[in-house]
Amino acid sequence: MNALLEDLEYRGIIYQMTDKEKISELLDKEQVTLYCGADPTADSLHIGHLVPFLTMRRFQNHGHRPIVLIGGGTGMIGDPSFKSEERKLQTEEQIEQNVQGIKKQMERVFDFSDENGAVLVNNRDWLKNISLISFLRDYGKHVSLNYMLAKDSIQTRLETGISYTEFTYTILQAIDFGHLNKEYGCKLQIGGSDQWGNITSGLDLMRRMYGETEAEGMTIPLITKADGKKFGKTESGNIWLDPARTSPYEFYQFWINQSDADVIRFIKLFTFMEKEEIEALEESLVSEPHLRKAQKRLAEEITAFLHGDAALKEAQNITEALFSGDIKALSADQLKDAFKDVPSAVYQDDDKNLVKVLVETGVSPSRRQAREDIKNGAIYINGARKQDVDYTLQDEDMLDDEFTIIRRGKKKYHMIRYK
């Protein structure tokens, strides 16, 4: 078998292939052009989108040429595949803004630097030129209604209802594959397992329109956690690739907090580490689990890859400061970032006696407990211990004149806001 496919199988990346033997032969004999796409439903992708694109990057590392397709055209329709209801249509302006946001992220994933580098395309560039009559005559006549109704992605929507608009989505994606095959010699499409129906539709349409065409498809399994929960979300929502939506610190924390049951699988899927190092990290989970070496390497690799070394260093510095309790070493912006998800309360009283503040913001349950906490050295203001029950918060305790970080005990942080 082709060495690249062997590596993909080792990593658990391959779910389905149209013809394993043909794909292996194709990869052995030539530089293969392949593509993967994403619709611009938001101005950023999230980590649930990552594995297919990282897989394409693995192909690029082996000398093949990836095409990154951003669905500026199909994004105006919405993919019905395994969705419980129809997507809300976005304006053309919003879609274009989303396209530009995703383009920036793809420049972190792929090398576009030379004539053999990756290619970025927008399917709106060719779909917008197809008239309704052309769509029906040139494409629609090749697609059997029975064929489309047999697709799992369509069947799952028939009970709840599907519009004709979304019903045509699979034809539009089939047109994409045909266009890229003709214009760029693209011979392989990859995508998540939910895209199998769309991929095979593209292959079927190409063969009906152009005769036998050297083209194949491959899908990647749905990523779930070991406990069966959905991957890629936290209590605060999606983990986005855009640092303005999910900061590098939050991104780093997401990966470093993965369980022992998941971490090796995620290293295989999301990093480019070699098999020998992965096996060594797997052994460390057994011999020295308390060191969490695998989690640290996972967080380091993926954060540096997507956000850069400087962002990784800052995320590590924030993590270390919080672990040691030395939060005075952090800037106000870093503290806002680090504590955005901790319990918070607004305090507007002019009387900023520490006991009163602790009780009224819920840090301590009663005045008696607040006094005990202070006397016992359990209360820290911006990292500094306070043991005076008569202490009143000063102007210098208010970071950016907006907030104060109070710690009770070893790990219970609270953010007190003043406006």
Protein backbone atom coordinates (compact mmCIF):
# COMPACT_ATOMS: atom_id res chain seq x y z
CA MET A 1 0.00 0.00 0.00
CA ASN A 2 1.07 3.59 -0.58
CA ALA A 3 3.07 4.99 2.38
CA LEU A 4 0.78 7.98 2.81
CA LEU A 5 -2.31 5.76 3.02
CA GLU A 6 -0.52 3.56 5.54
CA ASP A 7 0.13 6.61 7.70
CA LEU A 8 -3.50 7.76 7.38
CA GLU A 9 -4.72 4.32 8.42
CA TYR A 10 -2.35 4.30 11.40
CA ARG A 11 -3.81 7.62 12.49
CA GLY A 12 -7.41 6.43 12.13
CA ILE A 13 -8.12 9.05 9.48
CA ILE A 14 -9.67 6.91 6.74
CA TYR A 15 -13.37 6.05 7.03
CA GLN A 16 -14.43 5.28 3.45
CA MET A 17 -12.70 5.15 0.06
CA THR A 18 -14.31 4.65 -3.31
CA ASP A 19 -11.49 2.32 -4.40
CA LYS A 20 -8.53 1.81 -2.07
CA GLU A 21 -6.39 0.07 -4.67
CA LYS A 22 -6.93 2.74 -7.33
CA ILE A 23 -6.21 5.55 -4.89
CA SER A 24 -3.01 3.83 -3.78
CA GLU A 25 -1.89 3.36 -7.39
CA LEU A 26 -2.73 6.97 -8.23
CA LEU A 27 -0.69 8.31 -5.33
CA ASP A 28 2.27 6.13 -6.31
CA LYS A 29 2.38 7.14 -9.96
CA GLU A 30 1.87 10.94 -9.92
CA GLN A 31 1.47 14.18 -8.04
CA VAL A 32 -2.24 14.08 -7.28
CA THR A 33 -4.40 17.18 -7.13
CA LEU A 34 -7.13 16.80 -4.51
CA TYR A 35 -9.66 19.04 -2.86
CA CYS A 36 -11.68 19.61 0.25
CA GLY A 37 -14.22 22.34 0.80
CA ALA A 38 -16.02 24.25 3.52
CA ASP A 39 -19.01 26.53 3.26
CA PRO A 40 -18.56 29.98 4.85
CA THR A 41 -21.40 29.71 7.37
CA ALA A 42 -19.36 31.86 9.80
CA ASP A 43 -16.32 34.11 9.53
CA SER A 44 -14.21 31.38 11.10
CA LEU A 45 -13.91 27.62 10.97
CA HIS A 46 -13.87 25.68 14.23
CA ILE A 47 -11.82 22.64 15.18
CA GLY A 48 -14.58 20.33 13.99
CA HIS A 49 -13.59 21.37 10.45
CA LEU A 50 -9.89 20.77 10.94
CA VAL A 51 -9.20 17.09 10.32
CA PRO A 52 -10.09 17.03 6.58
CA PHE A 53 -7.91 20.10 5.98
CA LEU A 54 -5.06 18.73 8.08
CA THR A 55 -5.39 15.52 6.07
CA MET A 56 -4.97 17.52 2.87
CA ARG A 57 -1.88 19.09 4.41
CA ARG A 58 -0.51 15.57 4.94
CA PHE A 59 -1.00 14.98 1.21
CA GLN A 60 0.86 18.22 0.50
CA ASN A 61 3.73 17.12 2.75
CA HIS A 62 4.00 14.01 0.56
CA GLY A 63 4.28 16.07 -2.63
CA HIS A 64 0.64 16.26 -3.71
CA ARG A 65 -1.28 19.44 -4.51
CA PRO A 66 -4.30 20.49 -2.44
CA ILE A 67 -7.13 22.72 -3.59
CA VAL A 68 -8.91 24.51 -0.77
CA LEU A 69 -12.47 25.26 -1.85
CA ILE A 70 -14.45 27.89 0.02
CA GLY A 71 -18.11 27.56 -0.86
CA GLY A 72 -19.10 31.14 -1.54
CA GLY A 73 -21.74 29.75 -3.91
CA THR A 74 -22.91 26.64 -2.07
CA GLY A 75 -22.82 28.64 1.17
CA MET A 76 -25.71 30.68 -0.20
CA ILE A 77 -27.77 27.48 -0.30
CA GLY A 78 -26.72 25.42 2.72
CA ASP A 79 -25.81 21.74 2.95
CA PRO A 80 -28.76 19.67 4.25
CA SER A 81 -26.54 16.65 5.01
CA PHE A 82 -27.63 15.21 8.37
CA LYS A 83 -28.95 18.60 9.55
CA SER A 84 -32.21 18.55 11.50
CA GLU A 85 -33.53 21.73 9.91
CA GLU A 86 -32.84 24.15 7.07
CA ARG A 87 -30.04 26.64 7.47
CA LYS A 88 -30.90 30.31 7.76
CA LEU A 89 -29.82 31.98 4.52
CA GLN A 90 -27.15 34.68 4.85
CA THR A 91 -26.71 37.87 2.83
CA GLU A 92 -24.12 38.01 0.06
CA GLU A 93 -22.19 40.62 2.09
CA GLN A 94 -22.04 38.35 5.14
CA ILE A 95 -20.93 35.38 3.05
CA GLU A 96 -18.13 37.41 1.45
CA GLN A 97 -16.97 38.55 4.90
CA ASN A 98 -16.96 34.93 6.01
CA VAL A 99 -14.98 33.89 2.92
CA GLN A 100 -12.26 36.42 3.71
CA GLY A 101 -12.04 35.24 7.33
CA ILE A 102 -11.64 31.61 6.33
CA LYS A 103 -9.02 32.45 3.69
CA LYS A 104 -6.73 33.86 6.41
CA GLN A 105 -7.04 30.67 8.44
CA MET A 106 -6.24 28.44 5.47
CA GLU A 107 -2.99 30.36 4.98
CA ARG A 108 -1.92 28.98 8.37
CA VAL A 109 -2.68 25.40 7.33
CA PHE A 110 -1.32 25.21 3.78
CA ASP A 111 1.74 26.30 1.83
CA PHE A 112 0.59 28.53 -1.05
CA SER A 113 4.08 29.82 -1.77
CA ASP A 114 5.05 28.42 -5.18
CA GLU A 115 3.66 27.03 -8.43
CA ASN A 116 3.29 23.61 -6.83
CA GLY A 117 1.71 25.07 -3.70
CA ALA A 118 -1.89 24.82 -2.60
CA VAL A 119 -4.63 26.56 -4.57
CA LEU A 120 -7.53 28.43 -2.99
CA VAL A 121 -10.76 28.72 -4.97
CA ASN A 122 -14.28 30.02 -4.40
CA ASN A 123 -17.06 28.05 -6.11
CA ARG A 124 -19.13 31.20 -6.50
CA ASP A 125 -16.77 32.11 -9.35
CA TRP A 126 -18.23 29.38 -11.57
CA LEU A 127 -21.62 28.62 -10.04
CA LYS A 128 -22.78 32.23 -10.49
CA ASN A 129 -22.43 31.85 -14.28
CA ILE A 130 -24.84 28.90 -14.55
CA SER A 131 -28.33 29.96 -15.62
CA LEU A 132 -31.42 28.13 -14.43
CA ILE A 133 -31.99 26.69 -17.91
CA SER A 134 -28.37 25.52 -18.10
CA PHE A 135 -28.60 24.00 -14.62
CA LEU A 136 -31.69 22.00 -15.59
CA ARG A 137 -30.54 20.98 -19.10
CA ASP A 138 -26.81 20.45 -18.60
CA TYR A 139 -26.78 19.02 -15.10
CA GLY A 140 -30.25 18.19 -13.81
CA LYS A 141 -31.01 15.76 -16.62
CA HIS A 142 -28.08 13.58 -15.52
CA VAL A 143 -29.31 13.25 -11.92
CA SER A 144 -32.00 10.69 -11.15
CA LEU A 145 -34.57 11.68 -8.55
CA ASN A 146 -34.52 8.12 -7.23
CA TYR A 147 -30.73 8.33 -6.92
CA MET A 148 -30.92 11.48 -4.82
CA LEU A 149 -33.75 10.21 -2.62
CA ALA A 150 -31.68 7.12 -1.82
CA LYS A 151 -28.94 9.27 -0.25
CA ASP A 152 -28.87 8.99 3.54
CA SER A 153 -28.21 12.71 3.83
CA ILE A 154 -31.47 13.43 1.98
CA GLN A 155 -33.54 10.66 3.57
CA THR A 156 -32.88 11.95 7.07
CA ARG A 157 -34.51 15.25 6.12
CA LEU A 158 -37.59 13.92 4.34
CA GLU A 159 -39.53 13.43 7.57
CA THR A 160 -38.88 16.94 8.87
CA GLY A 161 -39.02 18.56 5.44
CA ILE A 162 -36.48 19.77 2.91
CA SER A 163 -36.82 22.64 0.47
CA TYR A 164 -36.02 22.33 -3.22
CA THR A 165 -33.20 24.81 -2.57
CA GLU A 166 -31.40 22.46 -0.20
CA PHE A 167 -32.39 19.45 -2.28
CA THR A 168 -30.23 20.80 -5.12
CA TYR A 169 -27.17 21.24 -2.90
CA THR A 170 -25.66 17.86 -3.72
CA ILE A 171 -25.87 18.71 -7.45
CA LEU A 172 -23.99 21.96 -6.88
CA GLN A 173 -21.23 20.15 -5.01
CA ALA A 174 -21.13 17.57 -7.80
CA ILE A 175 -20.64 20.44 -10.24
CA ASP A 176 -17.69 21.60 -8.12
CA PHE A 177 -15.90 18.27 -8.42
CA GLY A 178 -16.48 18.20 -12.17
CA HIS A 179 -15.23 21.77 -12.60
CA LEU A 180 -12.08 21.14 -10.57
CA ASN A 181 -11.46 17.90 -12.43
CA LYS A 182 -11.62 19.67 -15.80
CA GLU A 183 -9.83 22.89 -14.87
CA TYR A 184 -7.18 21.63 -12.44
CA GLY A 185 -6.98 17.89 -13.10
CA CYS A 186 -8.35 17.25 -9.59
CA LYS A 187 -8.72 13.50 -9.07
CA LEU A 188 -9.57 13.10 -5.39
CA GLN A 189 -12.08 14.69 -3.05
CA ILE A 190 -11.88 14.26 0.68
CA GLY A 191 -14.33 15.27 3.38
CA GLY A 192 -16.02 14.28 6.60
CA SER A 193 -18.11 11.12 6.72
CA ASP A 194 -21.27 13.22 6.30
CA GLN A 195 -20.00 14.21 2.83
CA TRP A 196 -19.95 10.69 1.36
CA GLY A 197 -23.23 11.22 -0.48
CA ASN A 198 -22.09 14.52 -1.96
CA ILE A 199 -18.73 13.05 -3.02
CA THR A 200 -20.24 10.02 -4.74
CA SER A 201 -22.81 12.28 -6.42
CA GLY A 202 -19.94 14.28 -7.90
CA LEU A 203 -18.28 11.14 -9.21
CA ASP A 204 -21.54 9.89 -10.70
CA LEU A 205 -22.29 13.23 -12.40
CA MET A 206 -18.79 13.43 -13.88
CA ARG A 207 -19.04 9.96 -15.36
CA ARG A 208 -22.47 10.62 -16.83
CA MET A 209 -21.38 13.93 -18.36
CA TYR A 210 -17.81 13.21 -19.41
CA GLY A 211 -17.58 9.43 -19.57
CA GLU A 212 -15.07 7.44 -17.53
CA THR A 213 -13.04 9.89 -15.45
CA GLU A 214 -10.07 9.12 -13.21
CA ALA A 215 -11.48 10.45 -9.95
CA GLU A 216 -11.98 9.01 -6.48
CA GLY A 217 -13.29 9.98 -3.06
CA MET A 218 -12.30 9.47 0.56
CA THR A 219 -13.99 10.36 3.84
CA ILE A 220 -12.81 10.82 7.40
CA PRO A 221 -14.68 9.52 10.46
CA LEU A 222 -16.77 11.73 12.69
CA ILE A 223 -14.60 12.79 15.63
CA THR A 224 -16.13 12.03 19.01
CA LYS A 225 -14.73 11.83 22.51
CA ALA A 226 -14.19 8.54 24.32
CA ASP A 227 -17.24 9.20 26.50
CA GLY A 228 -19.41 9.64 23.41
CA LYS A 229 -19.79 13.38 23.82
CA LYS A 230 -19.50 15.73 20.88
CA PHE A 231 -15.95 16.82 20.10
CA GLY A 232 -14.91 20.44 19.72
CA LYS A 233 -17.26 22.20 22.10
CA THR A 234 -16.99 23.49 25.65
CA GLU A 235 -19.56 25.04 27.96
CA SER A 236 -18.81 28.39 26.34
CA GLY A 237 -19.35 27.04 22.81
CA ASN A 238 -17.26 26.10 19.77
CA ILE A 239 -13.47 26.18 19.77
CA TRP A 240 -12.83 28.50 16.83
CA LEU A 241 -9.69 28.92 14.73
CA ASP A 242 -10.05 32.71 14.78
CA PRO A 243 -8.06 34.05 17.77
CA ALA A 244 -10.62 36.85 18.16
CA ARG A 245 -13.30 34.23 18.85
CA THR A 246 -11.20 31.69 20.77
CA SER A 247 -7.97 33.13 22.13
CA PRO A 248 -4.74 31.15 21.81
CA TYR A 249 -4.83 30.67 25.60
CA GLU A 250 -8.35 29.17 25.47
CA PHE A 251 -7.30 27.11 22.45
CA TYR A 252 -4.23 25.80 24.29
CA GLN A 253 -6.29 25.02 27.40
CA PHE A 254 -8.82 23.04 25.38
CA TRP A 255 -6.13 20.67 24.14
CA ILE A 256 -4.12 20.40 27.36
CA ASN A 257 -7.25 19.38 29.24
CA GLN A 258 -8.01 16.36 27.04
CA SER A 259 -8.45 13.06 28.86
CA ASP A 260 -5.96 10.20 28.82
CA ALA A 261 -8.57 8.18 26.93
CA ASP A 262 -8.62 10.71 24.05
CA VAL A 263 -5.22 12.33 23.88
CA ILE A 264 -3.27 9.81 21.77
CA ARG A 265 -6.07 9.56 19.21
CA PHE A 266 -6.17 13.36 18.97
CA ILE A 267 -2.38 13.53 18.59
CA LYS A 268 -2.67 11.17 15.62
CA LEU A 269 -5.47 13.22 14.05
CA PHE A 270 -4.36 16.78 14.76
CA THR A 271 -0.55 16.76 14.75
CA PHE A 272 2.23 15.75 12.40
CA MET A 273 4.28 13.96 15.02
CA GLU A 274 5.98 10.77 13.88
CA LYS A 275 4.88 7.32 15.00
CA GLU A 276 7.89 6.79 17.29
CA GLU A 277 7.19 9.91 19.33
CA ILE A 278 3.50 9.12 19.52
CA GLU A 279 4.27 5.65 20.85
CA ALA A 280 6.64 7.14 23.46
CA LEU A 281 3.90 9.51 24.61
CA GLU A 282 1.46 6.61 24.76
CA GLU A 283 3.89 4.78 27.03
CA SER A 284 4.21 7.86 29.26
CA LEU A 285 0.45 7.73 29.92
CA VAL A 286 1.06 4.39 31.61
CA SER A 287 4.43 4.96 33.28
CA GLU A 288 4.09 8.61 34.36
CA PRO A 289 0.49 9.78 33.83
CA HIS A 290 0.84 12.59 36.39
CA LEU A 291 3.24 14.44 34.05
CA ARG A 292 0.59 14.68 31.29
CA LYS A 293 3.33 14.78 28.65
CA ALA A 294 0.96 13.74 25.87
CA GLN A 295 -1.52 16.49 26.63
CA LYS A 296 1.23 19.11 26.76
CA ARG A 297 2.69 18.00 23.41
CA LEU A 298 -0.73 17.96 21.79
CA ALA A 299 -1.49 21.48 23.01
CA GLU A 300 1.95 22.76 21.98
CA GLU A 301 1.88 21.26 18.49
CA ILE A 302 -1.60 22.36 17.42
CA THR A 303 -1.40 25.82 19.04
CA ALA A 304 1.95 26.63 17.43
CA PHE A 305 0.79 25.29 14.06
CA LEU A 306 -2.39 27.39 13.92
CA HIS A 307 -1.43 30.47 15.95
CA GLY A 308 2.36 30.62 15.85
CA ASP A 309 5.18 30.26 18.36
CA ALA A 310 4.61 33.67 19.98
CA ALA A 311 0.95 32.87 20.72
CA LEU A 312 1.95 29.48 22.13
CA LYS A 313 4.51 31.11 24.42
CA GLU A 314 1.95 33.59 25.71
CA ALA A 315 -0.57 30.80 26.35
CA GLN A 316 2.10 28.87 28.28
CA ASN A 317 3.05 31.97 30.30
CA ILE A 318 -0.58 32.57 31.29
CA THR A 319 -0.98 28.91 32.20
CA GLU A 320 2.16 28.95 34.36
CA ALA A 321 1.14 32.18 36.10
CA LEU A 322 -2.26 30.77 36.97
CA PHE A 323 -0.77 27.50 38.18
CA SER A 324 1.70 29.30 40.45
CA GLY A 325 -0.81 31.91 41.56
CA ASP A 326 1.47 34.73 40.37
CA ILE A 327 -1.16 36.53 38.35
CA LYS A 328 0.52 39.89 38.95
CA ALA A 329 2.88 38.86 36.15
CA LEU A 330 -0.03 39.05 33.68
CA SER A 331 -1.40 42.08 31.89
CA ALA A 332 -4.99 43.22 32.31
CA ASP A 333 -5.83 41.89 28.84
CA GLN A 334 -4.28 38.52 29.65
CA LEU A 335 -6.26 38.34 32.87
CA LYS A 336 -9.51 39.15 31.04
CA ASP A 337 -8.73 36.36 28.63
CA ALA A 338 -7.75 33.84 31.30
CA PHE A 339 -10.73 34.53 33.55
CA LYS A 340 -13.50 35.15 31.04
CA ASP A 341 -15.25 31.92 32.06
CA VAL A 342 -14.81 32.10 35.84
CA PRO A 343 -17.71 33.18 38.08
CA SER A 344 -18.14 36.93 37.95
CA ALA A 345 -20.27 39.56 39.63
CA VAL A 346 -20.78 43.30 39.34
CA TYR A 347 -20.12 45.37 42.47
CA GLN A 348 -21.34 48.99 42.39
CA ASP A 349 -21.32 50.06 46.04
CA ASP A 350 -18.91 52.84 46.99
CA ASP A 351 -18.09 50.94 50.20
CA LYS A 352 -15.38 48.51 49.12
CA ASN A 353 -14.66 46.90 52.47
CA LEU A 354 -13.24 43.47 51.62
CA VAL A 355 -15.67 41.53 53.84
CA LYS A 356 -18.64 43.33 52.28
CA VAL A 357 -17.32 42.74 48.75
CA LEU A 358 -16.76 39.02 49.38
CA VAL A 359 -20.29 38.48 50.68
CA GLU A 360 -22.20 40.61 48.18
CA THR A 361 -20.43 39.08 45.17
CA GLY A 362 -20.88 35.51 46.43
CA VAL A 363 -17.20 34.74 46.97
CA SER A 364 -17.91 33.90 50.63
CA PRO A 365 -21.37 32.76 51.81
CA SER A 366 -21.55 34.96 54.93
CA ARG A 367 -19.78 37.78 56.77
CA ARG A 368 -18.56 35.32 59.39
CA GLN A 369 -17.11 33.02 56.73
CA ALA A 370 -15.59 35.99 54.90
CA ARG A 371 -13.77 37.12 58.04
CA GLU A 372 -12.53 33.57 58.65
CA ASP A 373 -11.34 33.26 55.07
CA ILE A 374 -9.40 36.52 55.35
CA LYS A 375 -7.85 35.69 58.74
CA ASN A 376 -6.86 32.19 57.54
CA GLY A 377 -5.04 33.60 54.54
CA ALA A 378 -7.46 32.10 52.00
CA ILE A 379 -8.23 35.38 50.18
CA TYR A 380 -6.01 36.80 47.43
CA ILE A 381 -6.56 40.09 45.60
CA ASN A 382 -4.94 40.02 42.15
CA GLY A 383 -2.58 37.34 43.45
CA ALA A 384 -1.65 39.11 46.72
CA ARG A 385 -2.82 37.58 50.02
CA LYS A 386 -4.95 39.84 52.24
CA GLN A 387 -5.38 38.98 55.93
CA ASP A 388 -6.75 42.27 57.28
CA VAL A 389 -10.53 42.02 57.86
CA ASP A 390 -10.71 45.84 57.76
CA TYR A 391 -9.01 46.06 54.36
CA THR A 392 -10.76 48.23 51.78
CA LEU A 393 -10.10 47.72 48.09
CA GLN A 394 -7.93 50.49 46.68
CA ASP A 395 -7.77 52.05 43.24
CA GLU A 396 -4.67 49.96 42.46
CA ASP A 397 -6.73 46.81 43.11
CA MET A 398 -8.96 47.70 40.15
CA LEU A 399 -7.28 46.55 36.96
CA ASP A 400 -8.01 48.88 34.05
CA ASP A 401 -10.49 50.52 36.46
CA GLU A 402 -12.79 47.66 35.49
CA PHE A 403 -12.21 44.51 37.50
CA THR A 404 -10.48 42.72 40.35
CA ILE A 405 -9.49 39.04 40.48
CA ILE A 406 -10.24 37.45 43.85
CA ARG A 407 -9.04 33.99 44.71
CA ARG A 408 -10.51 32.00 47.58
CA GLY A 409 -8.42 29.01 48.56
CA LYS A 410 -6.12 27.37 46.05
CA LYS A 411 -8.18 27.42 42.84
CA LYS A 412 -11.52 29.21 43.28
CA TYR A 413 -11.23 32.37 41.21
CA HIS A 414 -13.84 35.13 40.90
CA MET A 415 -13.86 38.24 38.72
CA ILE A 416 -15.38 41.29 40.34
CA ARG A 417 -16.48 43.93 37.83
CA TYR A 418 -17.28 47.55 38.62
CA LYS A 419 -19.19 48.57 35.50
